[in-house]
Amino acid sequence: MTPFGAAIRQLRAARRLSLKRMASDLQLSPAYLSALEHGHRGRPSAALVIQICSYFNIIWDEADDLERLAAISHPR
């Protein structure tokens, strides 16, 4: 699991969101979101990181932290 994937999973769990629900809300496939969380996909695009920040109402330092995690997250 990548640092970004772990952060997304933690955000989902804290809000009691299923992967399927979050994927649907973001208009992503559940398989893609799962692969992103588990580090089986490349870095997420900047647009997707912004979309996720907006989805979770993340701003300022938290958003910067999530963008940093996305930048350093490489698939295995």
N, C-alpha and C. Protein backbone atom coordinates (compact mmCIF):
# COMPACT_ATOMS: atom_id res chain seq x y z
N MET A 1 0.85 -1.18 0.00
CA MET A 1 0.00 0.00 0.00
C MET A 1 0.90 1.24 0.00
N THR A 2 0.53 2.22 -0.79
CA THR A 2 1.30 3.46 -0.86
C THR A 2 0.85 4.41 0.25
N PRO A 3 1.65 5.41 0.56
CA PRO A 3 1.23 6.40 1.57
C PRO A 3 -0.08 7.09 1.18
N PHE A 4 -0.23 7.40 -0.11
CA PHE A 4 -1.46 8.03 -0.58
C PHE A 4 -2.64 7.08 -0.41
N GLY A 5 -2.46 5.83 -0.80
CA GLY A 5 -3.52 4.84 -0.66
C GLY A 5 -3.95 4.65 0.79
N ALA A 6 -2.97 4.62 1.68
CA ALA A 6 -3.28 4.48 3.11
C ALA A 6 -4.06 5.68 3.61
N ALA A 7 -3.69 6.87 3.16
CA ALA A 7 -4.39 8.08 3.59
C ALA A 7 -5.84 8.09 3.10
N ILE A 8 -6.04 7.67 1.85
CA ILE A 8 -7.39 7.63 1.29
C ILE A 8 -8.23 6.61 2.05
N ARG A 9 -7.66 5.46 2.30
CA ARG A 9 -8.40 4.41 3.04
C ARG A 9 -8.77 4.91 4.44
N GLN A 10 -7.85 5.61 5.09
CA GLN A 10 -8.12 6.13 6.43
C GLN A 10 -9.23 7.17 6.39
N LEU A 11 -9.21 8.05 5.39
CA LEU A 11 -10.27 9.04 5.24
C LEU A 11 -11.62 8.37 5.02
N ARG A 12 -11.64 7.34 4.18
CA ARG A 12 -12.89 6.62 3.92
C ARG A 12 -13.41 5.96 5.19
N ALA A 13 -12.51 5.31 5.92
CA ALA A 13 -12.92 4.59 7.14
C ALA A 13 -13.44 5.56 8.19
N ALA A 14 -12.79 6.70 8.33
CA ALA A 14 -13.22 7.68 9.33
C ALA A 14 -14.62 8.20 9.04
N ARG A 15 -14.98 8.21 7.77
CA ARG A 15 -16.32 8.70 7.38
C ARG A 15 -17.29 7.57 7.08
N ARG A 16 -16.83 6.36 7.35
CA ARG A 16 -17.65 5.15 7.15
C ARG A 16 -18.21 5.04 5.73
N LEU A 17 -17.35 5.32 4.78
CA LEU A 17 -17.71 5.23 3.37
C LEU A 17 -17.19 3.91 2.79
N SER A 18 -18.00 3.25 2.03
CA SER A 18 -17.52 2.07 1.34
C SER A 18 -16.71 2.51 0.12
N LEU A 19 -15.85 1.62 -0.31
CA LEU A 19 -15.06 1.91 -1.49
C LEU A 19 -15.99 2.09 -2.69
N LYS A 20 -17.01 1.25 -2.78
CA LYS A 20 -17.95 1.32 -3.89
C LYS A 20 -18.68 2.66 -3.91
N ARG A 21 -19.08 3.15 -2.74
CA ARG A 21 -19.80 4.43 -2.66
C ARG A 21 -18.90 5.59 -3.07
N MET A 22 -17.67 5.60 -2.54
CA MET A 22 -16.75 6.68 -2.87
C MET A 22 -16.43 6.68 -4.36
N ALA A 23 -16.18 5.49 -4.91
CA ALA A 23 -15.89 5.39 -6.34
C ALA A 23 -17.05 5.92 -7.16
N SER A 24 -18.26 5.56 -6.78
CA SER A 24 -19.44 6.03 -7.50
C SER A 24 -19.56 7.55 -7.42
N ASP A 25 -19.37 8.09 -6.23
CA ASP A 25 -19.47 9.53 -6.03
C ASP A 25 -18.43 10.29 -6.86
N LEU A 26 -17.25 9.71 -7.01
CA LEU A 26 -16.17 10.35 -7.77
C LEU A 26 -16.18 9.96 -9.25
N GLN A 27 -17.14 9.15 -9.63
CA GLN A 27 -17.27 8.65 -11.01
C GLN A 27 -16.02 7.89 -11.44
N LEU A 28 -15.55 7.03 -10.54
CA LEU A 28 -14.43 6.14 -10.81
C LEU A 28 -14.94 4.71 -10.69
N SER A 29 -14.20 3.78 -11.24
CA SER A 29 -14.59 2.39 -11.03
C SER A 29 -14.08 1.96 -9.66
N PRO A 30 -14.82 1.10 -8.97
CA PRO A 30 -14.34 0.59 -7.68
C PRO A 30 -12.99 -0.13 -7.83
N ALA A 31 -12.79 -0.80 -8.95
CA ALA A 31 -11.53 -1.50 -9.18
C ALA A 31 -10.36 -0.52 -9.24
N TYR A 32 -10.55 0.61 -9.92
CA TYR A 32 -9.50 1.61 -10.01
C TYR A 32 -9.18 2.19 -8.64
N LEU A 33 -10.22 2.54 -7.88
CA LEU A 33 -10.00 3.12 -6.56
C LEU A 33 -9.31 2.12 -5.64
N SER A 34 -9.71 0.87 -5.71
CA SER A 34 -9.07 -0.17 -4.91
C SER A 34 -7.60 -0.32 -5.29
N ALA A 35 -7.33 -0.34 -6.59
CA ALA A 35 -5.94 -0.46 -7.06
C ALA A 35 -5.11 0.74 -6.62
N LEU A 36 -5.72 1.91 -6.62
CA LEU A 36 -5.02 3.11 -6.18
C LEU A 36 -4.69 3.02 -4.69
N GLU A 37 -5.65 2.56 -3.90
CA GLU A 37 -5.41 2.41 -2.46
C GLU A 37 -4.33 1.38 -2.17
N HIS A 38 -4.31 0.30 -2.94
CA HIS A 38 -3.36 -0.78 -2.68
C HIS A 38 -2.01 -0.60 -3.37
N GLY A 39 -1.86 0.48 -4.10
CA GLY A 39 -0.57 0.75 -4.73
C GLY A 39 -0.34 -0.02 -6.01
N HIS A 40 -1.41 -0.48 -6.64
CA HIS A 40 -1.27 -1.22 -7.89
C HIS A 40 -1.46 -0.32 -9.12
N ARG A 41 -1.64 0.96 -8.90
CA ARG A 41 -1.75 1.95 -9.98
C ARG A 41 -0.69 3.00 -9.76
N GLY A 42 -0.39 3.73 -10.80
CA GLY A 42 0.60 4.80 -10.70
C GLY A 42 0.09 5.96 -9.86
N ARG A 43 0.89 6.99 -9.83
CA ARG A 43 0.50 8.18 -9.08
C ARG A 43 -0.84 8.70 -9.59
N PRO A 44 -1.69 9.17 -8.68
CA PRO A 44 -2.94 9.78 -9.13
C PRO A 44 -2.65 11.13 -9.79
N SER A 45 -3.50 11.51 -10.71
CA SER A 45 -3.31 12.80 -11.36
C SER A 45 -3.58 13.92 -10.36
N ALA A 46 -3.05 15.09 -10.66
CA ALA A 46 -3.30 16.25 -9.80
C ALA A 46 -4.79 16.56 -9.73
N ALA A 47 -5.48 16.37 -10.85
CA ALA A 47 -6.93 16.62 -10.88
C ALA A 47 -7.68 15.67 -9.95
N LEU A 48 -7.25 14.41 -9.90
CA LEU A 48 -7.91 13.45 -9.01
C LEU A 48 -7.63 13.78 -7.55
N VAL A 49 -6.42 14.20 -7.25
CA VAL A 49 -6.09 14.59 -5.87
C VAL A 49 -6.97 15.77 -5.45
N ILE A 50 -7.12 16.74 -6.32
CA ILE A 50 -7.98 17.90 -6.02
C ILE A 50 -9.43 17.46 -5.85
N GLN A 51 -9.87 16.54 -6.70
CA GLN A 51 -11.24 16.03 -6.60
C GLN A 51 -11.45 15.31 -5.26
N ILE A 52 -10.49 14.54 -4.83
CA ILE A 52 -10.59 13.82 -3.55
C ILE A 52 -10.57 14.81 -2.39
N CYS A 53 -9.72 15.82 -2.46
CA CYS A 53 -9.69 16.85 -1.41
C CYS A 53 -11.05 17.54 -1.31
N SER A 54 -11.62 17.85 -2.44
CA SER A 54 -12.93 18.49 -2.46
C SER A 54 -13.99 17.55 -1.89
N TYR A 55 -13.93 16.29 -2.26
CA TYR A 55 -14.89 15.29 -1.79
C TYR A 55 -14.90 15.19 -0.27
N PHE A 56 -13.71 15.24 0.33
CA PHE A 56 -13.59 15.12 1.78
C PHE A 56 -13.53 16.49 2.48
N ASN A 57 -13.73 17.56 1.73
CA ASN A 57 -13.65 18.92 2.29
C ASN A 57 -12.31 19.18 2.98
N ILE A 58 -11.25 18.75 2.33
CA ILE A 58 -9.90 18.93 2.87
C ILE A 58 -9.33 20.21 2.29
N ILE A 59 -8.79 21.05 3.16
CA ILE A 59 -8.20 22.30 2.70
C ILE A 59 -6.85 22.52 3.36
N TRP A 60 -6.15 23.51 2.87
CA TRP A 60 -4.89 24.00 3.39
C TRP A 60 -3.85 22.92 3.63
N ASP A 61 -3.38 22.81 4.87
CA ASP A 61 -2.27 21.91 5.17
C ASP A 61 -2.62 20.45 4.88
N GLU A 62 -3.83 20.04 5.19
CA GLU A 62 -4.23 18.67 4.92
C GLU A 62 -4.19 18.38 3.42
N ALA A 63 -4.65 19.32 2.62
CA ALA A 63 -4.62 19.14 1.17
C ALA A 63 -3.18 19.09 0.67
N ASP A 64 -2.33 19.94 1.21
CA ASP A 64 -0.91 19.92 0.85
C ASP A 64 -0.29 18.58 1.20
N ASP A 65 -0.64 18.05 2.38
CA ASP A 65 -0.11 16.75 2.80
C ASP A 65 -0.56 15.64 1.86
N LEU A 66 -1.83 15.67 1.46
CA LEU A 66 -2.35 14.65 0.55
C LEU A 66 -1.68 14.75 -0.82
N GLU A 67 -1.45 15.97 -1.30
CA GLU A 67 -0.75 16.16 -2.57
C GLU A 67 0.68 15.65 -2.48
N ARG A 68 1.33 15.88 -1.35
CA ARG A 68 2.70 15.39 -1.14
C ARG A 68 2.73 13.86 -1.13
N LEU A 69 1.76 13.25 -0.46
CA LEU A 69 1.70 11.79 -0.42
C LEU A 69 1.47 11.22 -1.82
N ALA A 70 0.63 11.87 -2.59
CA ALA A 70 0.38 11.42 -3.96
C ALA A 70 1.67 11.49 -4.79
N ALA A 71 2.43 12.54 -4.59
CA ALA A 71 3.67 12.73 -5.37
C ALA A 71 4.72 11.67 -5.05
N ILE A 72 4.75 11.18 -3.82
CA ILE A 72 5.77 10.19 -3.44
C ILE A 72 5.27 8.76 -3.54
N SER A 73 4.02 8.57 -3.90
CA SER A 73 3.45 7.22 -3.97
C SER A 73 3.71 6.59 -5.34
N HIS A 74 4.46 5.53 -5.32
CA HIS A 74 4.76 4.77 -6.52
C HIS A 74 4.17 3.37 -6.34
N PRO A 75 3.70 2.77 -7.40
CA PRO A 75 3.26 1.39 -7.28
C PRO A 75 4.44 0.49 -6.95
N ARG A 76 4.18 -0.64 -6.40
CA ARG A 76 5.25 -1.57 -6.01
C ARG A 76 6.00 -2.07 -7.20
